[in-house]
Amino acid sequence: MLSACLPSQTPIDVQSQVNTAVAQTIQANKNIEESVNQTLTAQAPLSTPTTAFTATLVPTLAPINIVTDTPAPLPTNTASLSSNSGSGNGGGGGSGNSGSTGSAYSCAVVAQKPHDGTTFKSGDSFDVTWTIKNTGTVTWEADWDFEYKGGTDMSPTGDFLIGKQVKPGQTISIVVEIEAPVVAYKDSGTIFVMTWSLNKGDHFCMPFIAIKVNP
């Protein structure tokens, strides 16, 4: 009787309730995540597309040193060497420069060995011989100097006396030792010029040698 009078009790499925709560929590988290993403998307500023500029490099052209097999122009040996002309050339090249007046002191290079424009290798040693004629009216004295005057000094030879008198119309052969300068491959074919002169107190009669040098 007592049992019949007590209210009836329905057993509680605790595990089922836990599972339901977990599922609801997961769904709620998804809803929050979607809401946040929508909010961020709405707040994102509209981007204005900009034109991309591509830099164009303009190359700077460096100077190019072109070496050709064509030798540099050499002085033309045509005129006689005279003190009043200021310049001139003989068979081997040369120029006149003197304080004297008239043609009393003049010369002509009638022969030269080797010829201007001959090619040598760096360091080659050789002699240049000028055959010089006295085309003036004054005798050259034996104690006059023959000396380096200008250009590239390619000679170990120092100044020296011509050693003999040279009367008008006569010739004298003068020999000077030459050592070809050392050049790099990029300077192959460079022309070197050296000038010497007679010195009687001032300079006149200036023969020169012009050679081409390769490494």
N, C-alpha and C. Protein backbone atom coordinates (compact mmCIF):
# COMPACT_ATOMS: atom_id res chain seq x y z
N MET A 1 0.84 -1.21 0.00
CA MET A 1 0.00 0.00 0.00
C MET A 1 0.87 1.26 0.00
N LEU A 2 1.92 1.21 0.89
CA LEU A 2 2.80 2.39 0.93
C LEU A 2 3.47 2.62 -0.42
N SER A 3 3.84 1.54 -1.00
CA SER A 3 4.50 1.66 -2.30
C SER A 3 3.58 2.25 -3.32
N ALA A 4 2.35 1.92 -3.24
CA ALA A 4 1.40 2.44 -4.23
C ALA A 4 1.11 3.88 -4.00
N CYS A 5 1.32 4.33 -2.80
CA CYS A 5 1.00 5.74 -2.52
C CYS A 5 2.12 6.68 -2.92
N LEU A 6 3.37 6.19 -3.07
CA LEU A 6 4.50 7.09 -3.43
C LEU A 6 4.42 7.50 -4.92
N PRO A 7 4.82 8.73 -5.21
CA PRO A 7 4.76 9.16 -6.62
C PRO A 7 5.74 8.34 -7.47
N SER A 8 5.37 8.07 -8.67
CA SER A 8 6.22 7.26 -9.57
C SER A 8 7.42 8.07 -10.04
N GLN A 9 8.62 7.48 -10.16
CA GLN A 9 9.86 8.19 -10.59
C GLN A 9 10.36 7.61 -11.92
N THR A 10 10.69 8.50 -12.88
CA THR A 10 11.23 8.10 -14.19
C THR A 10 12.74 8.17 -14.14
N PRO A 11 13.47 7.12 -14.43
CA PRO A 11 14.95 7.15 -14.37
C PRO A 11 15.53 8.20 -15.32
N ILE A 12 16.59 8.96 -14.90
CA ILE A 12 17.22 10.07 -15.68
C ILE A 12 18.41 9.51 -16.44
N ASP A 13 18.43 9.77 -17.80
CA ASP A 13 19.54 9.33 -18.66
C ASP A 13 20.59 10.43 -18.66
N VAL A 14 21.50 10.38 -17.67
CA VAL A 14 22.50 11.44 -17.50
C VAL A 14 23.43 11.53 -18.71
N GLN A 15 23.90 10.42 -19.25
CA GLN A 15 24.85 10.43 -20.37
C GLN A 15 24.25 11.08 -21.59
N SER A 16 22.98 10.86 -21.83
CA SER A 16 22.31 11.46 -22.98
C SER A 16 22.28 12.96 -22.87
N GLN A 17 22.05 13.43 -21.64
CA GLN A 17 22.02 14.89 -21.44
C GLN A 17 23.41 15.51 -21.66
N VAL A 18 24.45 14.79 -21.23
CA VAL A 18 25.81 15.30 -21.44
C VAL A 18 26.12 15.40 -22.93
N ASN A 19 25.77 14.36 -23.65
CA ASN A 19 26.04 14.35 -25.09
C ASN A 19 25.34 15.51 -25.79
N THR A 20 24.09 15.74 -25.38
CA THR A 20 23.31 16.82 -25.98
C THR A 20 23.96 18.17 -25.70
N ALA A 21 24.43 18.36 -24.46
CA ALA A 21 25.06 19.64 -24.09
C ALA A 21 26.34 19.87 -24.88
N VAL A 22 27.12 18.81 -25.08
CA VAL A 22 28.36 18.96 -25.84
C VAL A 22 28.08 19.33 -27.28
N ALA A 23 27.06 18.69 -27.86
CA ALA A 23 26.71 18.99 -29.25
C ALA A 23 26.26 20.42 -29.40
N GLN A 24 25.49 20.89 -28.43
CA GLN A 24 25.01 22.27 -28.48
C GLN A 24 26.18 23.26 -28.34
N THR A 25 27.13 22.90 -27.51
CA THR A 25 28.30 23.79 -27.32
C THR A 25 29.12 23.90 -28.61
N ILE A 26 29.33 22.79 -29.26
CA ILE A 26 30.09 22.79 -30.52
C ILE A 26 29.40 23.63 -31.57
N GLN A 27 28.07 23.47 -31.66
CA GLN A 27 27.30 24.23 -32.64
C GLN A 27 27.36 25.72 -32.33
N ALA A 28 27.32 26.04 -31.04
CA ALA A 28 27.37 27.45 -30.64
C ALA A 28 28.72 28.07 -31.02
N ASN A 29 29.78 27.30 -30.83
CA ASN A 29 31.11 27.80 -31.19
C ASN A 29 31.23 28.05 -32.70
N LYS A 30 30.61 27.16 -33.49
CA LYS A 30 30.63 27.35 -34.94
C LYS A 30 29.89 28.62 -35.33
N ASN A 31 28.73 28.82 -34.64
CA ASN A 31 27.94 30.02 -34.94
C ASN A 31 28.73 31.29 -34.61
N ILE A 32 29.46 31.25 -33.50
CA ILE A 32 30.26 32.42 -33.10
C ILE A 32 31.37 32.69 -34.11
N GLU A 33 32.02 31.61 -34.53
CA GLU A 33 33.11 31.75 -35.49
C GLU A 33 32.64 32.34 -36.80
N GLU A 34 31.45 31.87 -37.28
CA GLU A 34 30.90 32.40 -38.52
C GLU A 34 30.54 33.87 -38.35
N SER A 35 30.01 34.20 -37.18
CA SER A 35 29.62 35.58 -36.93
C SER A 35 30.83 36.49 -36.93
N VAL A 36 31.91 36.04 -36.30
CA VAL A 36 33.13 36.84 -36.25
C VAL A 36 33.69 37.05 -37.66
N ASN A 37 33.74 35.99 -38.46
CA ASN A 37 34.25 36.10 -39.83
C ASN A 37 33.44 37.08 -40.66
N GLN A 38 32.12 37.02 -40.51
CA GLN A 38 31.25 37.95 -41.25
C GLN A 38 31.52 39.39 -40.82
N THR A 39 31.73 39.58 -39.53
CA THR A 39 32.00 40.93 -39.03
C THR A 39 33.31 41.47 -39.57
N LEU A 40 34.37 40.63 -39.56
CA LEU A 40 35.68 41.07 -40.06
C LEU A 40 35.61 41.40 -41.54
N THR A 41 34.85 40.58 -42.28
CA THR A 41 34.71 40.83 -43.71
C THR A 41 34.01 42.15 -43.98
N ALA A 42 33.01 42.44 -43.20
CA ALA A 42 32.26 43.69 -43.36
C ALA A 42 33.11 44.89 -43.00
N GLN A 43 34.01 44.73 -42.02
CA GLN A 43 34.82 45.87 -41.57
C GLN A 43 36.06 46.10 -42.44
N ALA A 44 36.42 45.12 -43.24
CA ALA A 44 37.63 45.26 -44.06
C ALA A 44 37.46 46.40 -45.06
N PRO A 45 38.44 47.37 -45.12
CA PRO A 45 38.31 48.50 -46.07
C PRO A 45 38.39 48.01 -47.50
N LEU A 46 37.61 48.69 -48.32
CA LEU A 46 37.65 48.35 -49.74
C LEU A 46 38.99 48.80 -50.31
N SER A 47 39.68 47.90 -50.92
CA SER A 47 41.00 48.24 -51.49
C SER A 47 40.83 48.75 -52.90
N THR A 48 41.56 49.82 -53.18
CA THR A 48 41.53 50.39 -54.52
C THR A 48 42.70 49.84 -55.30
N PRO A 49 42.41 49.15 -56.37
CA PRO A 49 43.53 48.56 -57.14
C PRO A 49 44.45 49.65 -57.68
N THR A 50 45.72 49.46 -57.49
CA THR A 50 46.71 50.41 -58.01
C THR A 50 47.48 49.76 -59.16
N THR A 51 47.87 50.65 -60.05
CA THR A 51 48.62 50.16 -61.21
C THR A 51 50.05 49.88 -60.80
N ALA A 52 50.50 48.71 -61.09
CA ALA A 52 51.88 48.33 -60.75
C ALA A 52 52.81 48.85 -61.83
N PHE A 53 53.84 49.57 -61.38
CA PHE A 53 54.81 50.12 -62.32
C PHE A 53 56.02 49.23 -62.34
N THR A 54 56.40 48.85 -63.54
CA THR A 54 57.59 48.01 -63.70
C THR A 54 58.75 48.90 -64.13
N ALA A 55 59.78 48.94 -63.27
CA ALA A 55 60.93 49.79 -63.58
C ALA A 55 61.68 49.24 -64.79
N THR A 56 61.98 50.14 -65.70
CA THR A 56 62.73 49.74 -66.88
C THR A 56 64.16 50.24 -66.74
N LEU A 57 65.10 49.32 -66.74
CA LEU A 57 66.50 49.68 -66.57
C LEU A 57 67.07 50.12 -67.92
N VAL A 58 67.62 51.33 -67.93
CA VAL A 58 68.26 51.83 -69.14
C VAL A 58 69.75 51.58 -69.01
N PRO A 59 70.32 50.70 -69.80
CA PRO A 59 71.74 50.37 -69.63
C PRO A 59 72.62 51.55 -69.98
N THR A 60 73.69 51.72 -69.18
CA THR A 60 74.68 52.74 -69.46
C THR A 60 75.82 52.12 -70.26
N LEU A 61 76.06 52.64 -71.42
CA LEU A 61 77.06 52.05 -72.30
C LEU A 61 78.44 52.55 -71.90
N ALA A 62 79.31 51.61 -71.52
CA ALA A 62 80.68 51.97 -71.17
C ALA A 62 81.50 52.17 -72.44
N PRO A 63 82.50 53.08 -72.38
CA PRO A 63 83.34 53.27 -73.57
C PRO A 63 84.04 51.97 -73.96
N ILE A 64 84.10 51.69 -75.24
CA ILE A 64 84.74 50.47 -75.73
C ILE A 64 86.00 50.86 -76.48
N ASN A 65 87.08 50.28 -76.03
CA ASN A 65 88.35 50.56 -76.70
C ASN A 65 88.57 49.52 -77.79
N ILE A 66 88.36 49.92 -79.02
CA ILE A 66 88.48 48.99 -80.14
C ILE A 66 89.88 49.08 -80.71
N VAL A 67 90.59 47.98 -80.69
CA VAL A 67 91.93 47.92 -81.23
C VAL A 67 91.87 47.31 -82.63
N THR A 68 92.37 48.04 -83.59
CA THR A 68 92.35 47.54 -84.97
C THR A 68 93.78 47.30 -85.42
N ASP A 69 93.91 46.67 -86.56
CA ASP A 69 95.22 46.40 -87.11
C ASP A 69 95.74 47.56 -87.95
N THR A 70 94.94 48.64 -88.03
CA THR A 70 95.36 49.79 -88.82
C THR A 70 96.23 50.70 -87.98
N PRO A 71 97.50 50.88 -88.30
CA PRO A 71 98.38 51.69 -87.46
C PRO A 71 97.97 53.15 -87.49
N ALA A 72 98.33 53.85 -86.41
CA ALA A 72 98.05 55.28 -86.33
C ALA A 72 98.82 56.00 -87.43
N PRO A 73 98.27 57.12 -87.91
CA PRO A 73 98.97 57.86 -88.97
C PRO A 73 100.36 58.27 -88.51
N LEU A 74 101.35 58.12 -89.35
CA LEU A 74 102.71 58.49 -89.02
C LEU A 74 103.05 59.81 -89.71
N PRO A 75 103.99 60.56 -89.12
CA PRO A 75 104.38 61.82 -89.76
C PRO A 75 104.90 61.57 -91.17
N THR A 76 104.58 62.50 -92.05
CA THR A 76 105.04 62.39 -93.44
C THR A 76 106.43 62.99 -93.57
N ASN A 77 107.37 62.20 -94.02
CA ASN A 77 108.75 62.65 -94.10
C ASN A 77 109.04 63.19 -95.49
N THR A 78 108.85 64.48 -95.65
CA THR A 78 109.02 65.06 -96.98
C THR A 78 109.96 66.26 -96.98
N ALA A 79 109.87 67.10 -95.97
CA ALA A 79 110.61 68.36 -96.02
C ALA A 79 111.99 68.22 -95.42
N SER A 80 112.91 69.08 -95.81
CA SER A 80 114.23 69.09 -95.20
C SER A 80 114.15 69.76 -93.85
N LEU A 81 115.16 69.54 -93.01
CA LEU A 81 115.19 70.09 -91.66
C LEU A 81 115.99 71.38 -91.68
N SER A 82 115.33 72.46 -91.39
CA SER A 82 116.05 73.74 -91.42
C SER A 82 115.74 74.53 -90.17
N SER A 83 116.66 75.36 -89.76
CA SER A 83 116.50 76.11 -88.53
C SER A 83 115.43 77.18 -88.65
N ASN A 84 115.17 77.66 -89.86
CA ASN A 84 114.19 78.74 -89.98
C ASN A 84 112.81 78.24 -90.32
N SER A 85 112.65 76.93 -90.55
CA SER A 85 111.33 76.43 -90.93
C SER A 85 110.49 76.10 -89.72
N GLY A 86 111.14 75.78 -88.62
CA GLY A 86 110.40 75.43 -87.41
C GLY A 86 110.03 73.97 -87.39
N SER A 87 109.85 73.33 -88.53
CA SER A 87 109.55 71.90 -88.57
C SER A 87 109.87 71.37 -89.94
N GLY A 88 110.10 70.03 -89.97
CA GLY A 88 110.40 69.44 -91.26
C GLY A 88 110.68 67.98 -91.08
N ASN A 89 110.78 67.24 -92.13
CA ASN A 89 111.02 65.82 -92.06
C ASN A 89 111.96 65.40 -93.17
N GLY A 90 112.82 64.43 -92.85
CA GLY A 90 113.70 63.88 -93.86
C GLY A 90 113.34 62.44 -94.09
N GLY A 91 114.30 61.64 -94.55
CA GLY A 91 114.02 60.25 -94.84
C GLY A 91 113.59 59.47 -93.62
N GLY A 92 114.01 59.93 -92.42
CA GLY A 92 113.64 59.23 -91.21
C GLY A 92 112.76 60.05 -90.31
N GLY A 93 112.41 61.23 -90.75
CA GLY A 93 111.56 62.07 -89.93
C GLY A 93 112.39 62.99 -89.08
N GLY A 94 111.87 64.19 -88.81
CA GLY A 94 112.58 65.12 -87.96
C GLY A 94 112.00 66.50 -88.06
N SER A 95 112.51 67.40 -87.24
CA SER A 95 112.05 68.79 -87.28
C SER A 95 113.19 69.69 -86.90
N GLY A 96 113.15 70.93 -87.36
CA GLY A 96 114.19 71.88 -87.05
C GLY A 96 113.69 72.93 -86.09
N ASN A 97 114.57 73.39 -85.19
CA ASN A 97 114.18 74.42 -84.24
C ASN A 97 115.47 75.09 -83.75
N SER A 98 115.68 76.30 -84.13
CA SER A 98 116.92 76.96 -83.74
C SER A 98 116.69 78.45 -83.64
N GLY A 99 117.51 79.07 -82.80
CA GLY A 99 117.42 80.52 -82.65
C GLY A 99 118.12 81.25 -83.78
N SER A 100 118.85 80.52 -84.60
CA SER A 100 119.58 81.15 -85.69
C SER A 100 118.63 81.57 -86.80
N THR A 101 119.07 82.52 -87.60
CA THR A 101 118.24 82.99 -88.71
C THR A 101 118.76 82.39 -90.01
N GLY A 102 117.92 82.47 -91.04
CA GLY A 102 118.32 81.97 -92.34
C GLY A 102 118.39 80.46 -92.33
N SER A 103 119.08 79.89 -93.36
CA SER A 103 119.20 78.45 -93.50
C SER A 103 120.61 77.97 -93.22
N ALA A 104 121.34 78.72 -92.41
CA ALA A 104 122.73 78.34 -92.11
C ALA A 104 122.77 76.99 -91.41
N TYR A 105 121.82 76.74 -90.56
CA TYR A 105 121.76 75.48 -89.82
C TYR A 105 120.51 74.72 -90.26
N SER A 106 120.72 73.78 -91.14
CA SER A 106 119.60 72.95 -91.60
C SER A 106 120.13 71.57 -91.94
N CYS A 107 119.21 70.61 -92.03
CA CYS A 107 119.63 69.25 -92.32
C CYS A 107 118.50 68.51 -93.02
N ALA A 108 118.83 67.34 -93.52
CA ALA A 108 117.83 66.45 -94.09
C ALA A 108 118.20 65.03 -93.71
N VAL A 109 117.20 64.28 -93.21
CA VAL A 109 117.42 62.86 -92.91
C VAL A 109 117.22 62.11 -94.23
N VAL A 110 118.31 61.64 -94.81
CA VAL A 110 118.24 61.03 -96.13
C VAL A 110 118.04 59.52 -96.06
N ALA A 111 118.27 58.93 -94.90
CA ALA A 111 118.05 57.48 -94.73
C ALA A 111 117.83 57.17 -93.26
N GLN A 112 117.05 56.14 -93.02
CA GLN A 112 116.80 55.71 -91.65
C GLN A 112 116.55 54.20 -91.63
N LYS A 113 117.13 53.54 -90.65
CA LYS A 113 116.90 52.11 -90.48
C LYS A 113 116.76 51.83 -88.98
N PRO A 114 115.66 51.16 -88.56
CA PRO A 114 114.50 50.70 -89.34
C PRO A 114 113.60 51.87 -89.73
N HIS A 115 112.69 51.60 -90.68
CA HIS A 115 111.77 52.63 -91.13
C HIS A 115 110.70 52.90 -90.07
N ASP A 116 110.12 54.09 -90.14
CA ASP A 116 109.00 54.42 -89.27
C ASP A 116 107.84 53.47 -89.53
N GLY A 117 107.15 53.06 -88.45
CA GLY A 117 106.01 52.15 -88.58
C GLY A 117 106.38 50.69 -88.46
N THR A 118 107.68 50.37 -88.32
CA THR A 118 108.10 48.98 -88.14
C THR A 118 107.56 48.45 -86.81
N THR A 119 107.12 47.18 -86.81
CA THR A 119 106.54 46.59 -85.61
C THR A 119 107.59 45.80 -84.82
N PHE A 120 107.58 46.02 -83.52
CA PHE A 120 108.47 45.30 -82.61
C PHE A 120 107.65 44.71 -81.46
N LYS A 121 108.24 43.74 -80.78
CA LYS A 121 107.61 43.18 -79.58
C LYS A 121 108.12 43.91 -78.35
N SER A 122 107.29 43.90 -77.30
CA SER A 122 107.68 44.53 -76.05
C SER A 122 109.06 44.05 -75.60
N GLY A 123 109.93 45.00 -75.28
CA GLY A 123 111.25 44.65 -74.77
C GLY A 123 112.30 44.40 -75.82
N ASP A 124 111.93 44.39 -77.11
CA ASP A 124 112.93 44.20 -78.17
C ASP A 124 113.98 45.31 -78.11
N SER A 125 115.23 44.94 -78.33
CA SER A 125 116.32 45.91 -78.37
C SER A 125 116.90 45.96 -79.78
N PHE A 126 117.11 47.17 -80.28
CA PHE A 126 117.64 47.32 -81.63
C PHE A 126 118.28 48.71 -81.75
N ASP A 127 119.00 48.93 -82.82
CA ASP A 127 119.61 50.24 -83.10
C ASP A 127 118.84 50.95 -84.19
N VAL A 128 118.68 52.26 -84.01
CA VAL A 128 118.16 53.08 -85.10
C VAL A 128 119.33 53.89 -85.65
N THR A 129 119.44 53.90 -86.96
CA THR A 129 120.52 54.64 -87.61
C THR A 129 119.91 55.71 -88.51
N TRP A 130 120.27 56.96 -88.24
CA TRP A 130 119.86 58.06 -89.10
C TRP A 130 121.07 58.50 -89.94
N THR A 131 120.88 58.64 -91.23
CA THR A 131 121.90 59.24 -92.09
C THR A 131 121.44 60.66 -92.38
N ILE A 132 122.20 61.62 -91.85
CA ILE A 132 121.76 63.01 -91.86
C ILE A 132 122.72 63.85 -92.72
N LYS A 133 122.14 64.65 -93.59
CA LYS A 133 122.93 65.50 -94.47
C LYS A 133 122.90 66.95 -93.99
N ASN A 134 124.04 67.58 -94.00
CA ASN A 134 124.14 69.01 -93.66
C ASN A 134 123.71 69.81 -94.89
N THR A 135 122.49 70.36 -94.84
CA THR A 135 121.98 71.12 -95.98
C THR A 135 122.11 72.62 -95.75
N GLY A 136 122.81 72.99 -94.66
CA GLY A 136 123.01 74.41 -94.37
C GLY A 136 124.30 74.93 -94.97
N THR A 137 124.73 76.06 -94.45
CA THR A 137 125.95 76.71 -94.97
C THR A 137 127.06 76.75 -93.93
N VAL A 138 126.82 76.19 -92.76
CA VAL A 138 127.80 76.21 -91.68
C VAL A 138 128.27 74.79 -91.38
N THR A 139 129.56 74.62 -91.14
CA THR A 139 130.10 73.31 -90.79
C THR A 139 129.70 72.93 -89.37
N TRP A 140 129.26 71.68 -89.19
CA TRP A 140 128.94 71.19 -87.85
C TRP A 140 130.23 70.75 -87.17
N GLU A 141 130.41 71.13 -85.94
CA GLU A 141 131.63 70.83 -85.22
C GLU A 141 131.54 69.48 -84.52
N ALA A 142 132.68 68.83 -84.35
CA ALA A 142 132.74 67.48 -83.77
C ALA A 142 132.28 67.45 -82.32
N ASP A 143 132.37 68.59 -81.62
CA ASP A 143 132.00 68.61 -80.20
C ASP A 143 130.55 69.03 -79.96
N TRP A 144 129.75 69.08 -81.06
CA TRP A 144 128.32 69.34 -80.86
C TRP A 144 127.64 68.08 -80.34
N ASP A 145 126.66 68.25 -79.49
CA ASP A 145 125.95 67.11 -78.89
C ASP A 145 124.81 66.60 -79.77
N PHE A 146 124.60 65.33 -79.70
CA PHE A 146 123.37 64.72 -80.23
C PHE A 146 122.66 64.15 -79.02
N GLU A 147 121.40 64.58 -78.80
CA GLU A 147 120.76 64.26 -77.52
C GLU A 147 119.25 64.06 -77.65
N TYR A 148 118.72 63.33 -76.67
CA TYR A 148 117.27 63.08 -76.62
C TYR A 148 116.55 64.41 -76.45
N LYS A 149 115.46 64.58 -77.24
CA LYS A 149 114.74 65.86 -77.21
C LYS A 149 113.32 65.73 -76.70
N GLY A 150 112.60 64.65 -77.08
CA GLY A 150 111.21 64.58 -76.66
C GLY A 150 110.54 63.28 -77.10
N GLY A 151 109.25 63.16 -76.76
CA GLY A 151 108.51 61.94 -77.05
C GLY A 151 108.79 60.89 -76.00
N THR A 152 108.49 59.63 -76.33
CA THR A 152 108.74 58.52 -75.40
C THR A 152 110.23 58.19 -75.40
N ASP A 153 110.87 58.31 -74.24
CA ASP A 153 112.30 58.01 -74.16
C ASP A 153 112.48 56.50 -74.16
N MET A 154 112.82 55.94 -75.29
CA MET A 154 112.97 54.49 -75.45
C MET A 154 114.43 54.07 -75.53
N SER A 155 115.37 54.99 -75.21
CA SER A 155 116.78 54.70 -75.43
C SER A 155 117.58 54.74 -74.13
N PRO A 156 118.40 53.70 -73.90
CA PRO A 156 119.34 53.75 -72.78
C PRO A 156 120.59 54.56 -73.13
N THR A 157 120.67 55.00 -74.39
CA THR A 157 121.82 55.79 -74.83
C THR A 157 121.73 57.20 -74.26
N GLY A 158 122.81 57.67 -73.67
CA GLY A 158 122.84 59.04 -73.18
C GLY A 158 123.28 60.00 -74.27
N ASP A 159 123.30 61.28 -73.94
CA ASP A 159 123.75 62.29 -74.90
C ASP A 159 125.22 62.00 -75.28
N PHE A 160 125.58 62.29 -76.53
CA PHE A 160 126.96 62.05 -76.95
C PHE A 160 127.36 63.05 -78.02
N LEU A 161 128.66 63.20 -78.22
CA LEU A 161 129.18 64.10 -79.25
C LEU A 161 129.10 63.44 -80.61
N ILE A 162 128.85 64.26 -81.65
CA ILE A 162 128.77 63.67 -82.99
C ILE A 162 130.14 63.17 -83.45
N GLY A 163 131.21 63.70 -82.89
CA GLY A 163 132.54 63.09 -83.08
C GLY A 163 133.31 63.48 -84.31
N LYS A 164 132.71 64.22 -85.22
CA LYS A 164 133.47 64.65 -86.40
C LYS A 164 132.80 65.88 -87.01
N GLN A 165 133.58 66.62 -87.78
CA GLN A 165 133.04 67.76 -88.50
C GLN A 165 132.19 67.29 -89.68
N VAL A 166 131.11 68.01 -89.92
CA VAL A 166 130.26 67.71 -91.08
C VAL A 166 130.10 69.01 -91.87
N LYS A 167 130.75 69.07 -93.00
CA LYS A 167 130.69 70.28 -93.82
C LYS A 167 129.39 70.32 -94.62
N PRO A 168 128.99 71.50 -95.10
CA PRO A 168 127.78 71.60 -95.93
C PRO A 168 127.83 70.62 -97.10
N GLY A 169 126.75 69.88 -97.27
CA GLY A 169 126.66 68.90 -98.34
C GLY A 169 127.11 67.51 -97.92
N GLN A 170 127.80 67.38 -96.78
CA GLN A 170 128.24 66.08 -96.31
C GLN A 170 127.16 65.42 -95.43
N THR A 171 127.33 64.11 -95.21
CA THR A 171 126.39 63.36 -94.37
C THR A 171 127.12 62.73 -93.20
N ILE A 172 126.35 62.36 -92.19
CA ILE A 172 126.87 61.66 -91.02
C ILE A 172 125.84 60.62 -90.61
N SER A 173 126.31 59.44 -90.22
CA SER A 173 125.40 58.40 -89.72
C SER A 173 125.47 58.40 -88.19
N ILE A 174 124.33 58.51 -87.58
CA ILE A 174 124.24 58.57 -86.11
C ILE A 174 123.40 57.38 -85.64
N VAL A 175 123.92 56.64 -84.67
CA VAL A 175 123.27 55.42 -84.18
C VAL A 175 122.85 55.60 -82.73
N VAL A 176 121.60 55.22 -82.45
CA VAL A 176 121.06 55.27 -81.08
C VAL A 176 120.41 53.93 -80.77
N GLU A 177 120.67 53.39 -79.59
CA GLU A 177 120.04 52.13 -79.18
C GLU A 177 118.61 52.38 -78.72
N ILE A 178 117.71 51.45 -79.08
CA ILE A 178 116.29 51.56 -78.73
C ILE A 178 115.84 50.29 -78.00
N GLU A 179 115.01 50.46 -77.00
CA GLU A 179 114.34 49.33 -76.34
C GLU A 179 112.84 49.56 -76.44
N ALA A 180 112.14 48.66 -77.12
CA ALA A 180 110.69 48.82 -77.32
C ALA A 180 109.97 48.77 -75.97
N PRO A 181 109.06 49.70 -75.70
CA PRO A 181 108.35 49.72 -74.43
C PRO A 181 107.50 48.46 -74.25
N VAL A 182 107.21 48.12 -73.01
CA VAL A 182 106.34 46.99 -72.70
C VAL A 182 104.90 47.47 -72.73
N VAL A 183 104.05 46.76 -73.48
CA VAL A 183 102.63 47.13 -73.58
C VAL A 183 101.76 45.94 -73.22
N ALA A 184 100.55 46.23 -72.73
CA ALA A 184 99.56 45.19 -72.44
C ALA A 184 98.86 44.80 -73.75
N TYR A 185 98.15 43.66 -73.71
CA TYR A 185 97.46 43.19 -74.91
C TYR A 185 96.43 44.20 -75.39
N LYS A 186 95.78 44.89 -74.45
CA LYS A 186 94.76 45.86 -74.84
C LYS A 186 95.36 47.06 -75.58
N ASP A 187 96.67 47.27 -75.42
CA ASP A 187 97.34 48.39 -76.08
C ASP A 187 98.18 47.92 -77.27
N SER A 188 97.89 46.72 -77.74
CA SER A 188 98.65 46.16 -78.86
C SER A 188 98.57 47.09 -80.07
N GLY A 189 99.71 47.32 -80.70
CA GLY A 189 99.74 48.18 -81.89
C GLY A 189 99.95 49.64 -81.59
N THR A 190 100.22 49.99 -80.33
CA THR A 190 100.45 51.40 -79.98
C THR A 190 101.69 51.93 -80.70
N ILE A 191 101.59 53.16 -81.19
CA ILE A 191 102.71 53.81 -81.86
C ILE A 191 103.48 54.66 -80.84
N PHE A 192 104.79 54.47 -80.78
CA PHE A 192 105.65 55.27 -79.91
C PHE A 192 106.62 56.08 -80.77
N VAL A 193 106.77 57.36 -80.42
CA VAL A 193 107.63 58.26 -81.18
C VAL A 193 108.68 58.86 -80.25
N MET A 194 109.92 58.88 -80.68
CA MET A 194 111.00 59.49 -79.91
C MET A 194 111.79 60.42 -80.83
N THR A 195 112.12 61.62 -80.34
CA THR A 195 112.84 62.62 -81.12
C THR A 195 114.19 62.93 -80.47
N TRP A 196 115.24 63.02 -81.31
CA TRP A 196 116.56 63.46 -80.87
C TRP A 196 116.91 64.74 -81.62
N SER A 197 118.03 65.37 -81.27
CA SER A 197 118.38 66.61 -81.96
C SER A 197 119.88 66.89 -81.85
N LEU A 198 120.35 67.70 -82.78
CA LEU A 198 121.68 68.28 -82.67
C LEU A 198 121.61 69.51 -81.78
N ASN A 199 122.64 69.71 -80.99
CA ASN A 199 122.65 70.85 -80.07
C ASN A 199 123.97 71.60 -80.24
N LYS A 200 123.86 72.79 -80.76
CA LYS A 200 125.05 73.65 -80.94
C LYS A 200 125.01 74.82 -79.95
N GLY A 201 124.27 74.64 -78.88
CA GLY A 201 123.97 75.71 -77.94
C GLY A 201 122.49 75.97 -77.91
N ASP A 202 121.82 75.72 -79.03
CA ASP A 202 120.38 75.59 -79.13
C ASP A 202 120.10 74.44 -80.11
N HIS A 203 118.90 73.95 -80.10
CA HIS A 203 118.59 72.72 -80.83
C HIS A 203 118.18 73.01 -82.28
N PHE A 204 118.61 72.14 -83.16
CA PHE A 204 118.14 72.15 -84.53
C PHE A 204 118.29 70.73 -85.07
N CYS A 205 117.71 70.46 -86.22
CA CYS A 205 117.81 69.15 -86.85
C CYS A 205 117.36 68.05 -85.89
N MET A 206 116.07 67.73 -85.94
CA MET A 206 115.49 66.80 -84.97
C MET A 206 114.91 65.55 -85.63
N PRO A 207 115.71 64.55 -85.88
CA PRO A 207 115.21 63.28 -86.43
C PRO A 207 114.40 62.52 -85.39
N PHE A 208 113.42 61.74 -85.85
CA PHE A 208 112.63 60.96 -84.92
C PHE A 208 112.51 59.53 -85.43
N ILE A 209 112.09 58.63 -84.53
CA ILE A 209 111.78 57.25 -84.88
C ILE A 209 110.39 56.97 -84.35
N ALA A 210 109.54 56.34 -85.18
CA ALA A 210 108.17 55.98 -84.79
C ALA A 210 107.99 54.48 -85.01
N ILE A 211 107.73 53.74 -83.93
CA ILE A 211 107.59 52.28 -84.04
C ILE A 211 106.25 51.84 -83.47
N LYS A 212 105.78 50.70 -83.97
CA LYS A 212 104.56 50.09 -83.44
C LYS A 212 104.97 48.91 -82.56
N VAL A 213 104.33 48.79 -81.37
CA VAL A 213 104.74 47.77 -80.41
C VAL A 213 103.56 46.85 -80.07
N ASN A 214 103.82 45.53 -80.12
CA ASN A 214 102.87 44.51 -79.70
C ASN A 214 103.44 43.76 -78.49
N PRO A 215 102.55 43.17 -77.66
CA PRO A 215 103.03 42.41 -76.51
C PRO A 215 103.93 41.24 -76.94
